[in-house]
Protein backbone atom coordinates (compact mmCIF):
# COMPACT_ATOMS: atom_id res chain seq x y z
CA MET A 1 -79.90 -34.21 -72.43
CA LYS A 2 -80.52 -33.48 -68.80
CA LEU A 3 -80.69 -29.96 -67.41
CA ASN A 4 -77.45 -30.59 -65.51
CA ASP A 5 -75.63 -31.53 -68.72
CA ILE A 6 -76.82 -28.35 -70.43
CA ARG A 7 -75.64 -26.22 -67.51
CA ILE A 8 -72.22 -27.87 -67.45
CA SER A 9 -71.86 -27.47 -71.22
CA THR A 10 -72.83 -23.81 -71.02
CA ILE A 11 -70.41 -23.10 -68.20
CA GLY A 12 -67.63 -24.98 -69.99
CA GLY A 13 -68.19 -23.05 -73.21
CA THR A 14 -68.23 -19.75 -71.38
CA ILE A 15 -64.99 -20.54 -69.56
CA CYS A 16 -63.30 -21.62 -72.80
CA SER A 17 -64.32 -18.46 -74.63
CA ILE A 18 -63.11 -16.24 -71.78
CA TRP A 19 -59.86 -18.22 -71.47
CA ALA A 20 -59.13 -17.77 -75.18
CA SER A 21 -59.53 -13.99 -75.00
CA ILE A 22 -57.16 -13.42 -72.04
CA SER A 23 -53.45 -13.23 -72.82
CA LEU A 24 -50.53 -13.68 -70.46
CA GLY A 25 -49.62 -10.02 -70.92
CA ASP A 26 -53.06 -8.98 -69.69
CA VAL A 27 -52.70 -11.15 -66.60
CA LEU A 28 -49.23 -9.80 -65.83
CA GLN A 29 -50.37 -6.21 -66.32
CA THR A 30 -53.31 -6.77 -63.99
CA MET A 31 -51.05 -8.29 -61.34
CA LEU A 32 -48.59 -5.39 -61.61
CA MET A 33 -51.35 -2.77 -61.37
CA ALA A 34 -52.91 -4.53 -58.37
CA ALA A 35 -49.55 -4.66 -56.58
CA LEU A 36 -48.86 -1.00 -57.35
CA GLY A 37 -52.32 -0.01 -56.14
CA THR A 38 -51.78 -1.93 -52.92
CA VAL A 39 -48.45 -0.23 -52.24
CA VAL A 40 -49.83 3.25 -52.98
CA SER A 41 -52.86 2.62 -50.77
CA PHE A 42 -50.68 1.36 -47.91
CA LEU A 43 -48.27 4.29 -48.14
CA THR A 44 -51.11 6.80 -48.33
CA SER A 45 -52.80 5.37 -45.23
CA ARG A 46 -49.50 5.44 -43.32
CA LEU A 47 -48.89 9.04 -44.37
CA ILE A 48 -52.38 10.10 -43.31
CA GLY A 49 -51.95 8.26 -40.01
CA ARG A 50 -48.70 10.10 -39.27
CA TRP A 51 -50.27 13.40 -40.29
CA ASN A 52 -53.21 12.82 -37.91
CA ASN A 53 -50.89 11.84 -35.02
CA ARG A 54 -48.84 15.06 -35.39
CA GLY A 55 -51.98 17.18 -35.09
CA ARG A 56 -52.95 15.53 -31.78
CA LYS A 57 -49.66 16.18 -29.96
């Protein structure tokens, strides 16, 4: 076997083992938490921006 073949086999095996351990529920939960974090971060930055603008006037 060539070194390239060994690398490809190792990467393929790693991807397959990771793929088997991740469920659809985990992916959906991660997507939901990321979206919620984005919304909270956006709203917090807007709130802080408004708070800073009121102090300058």
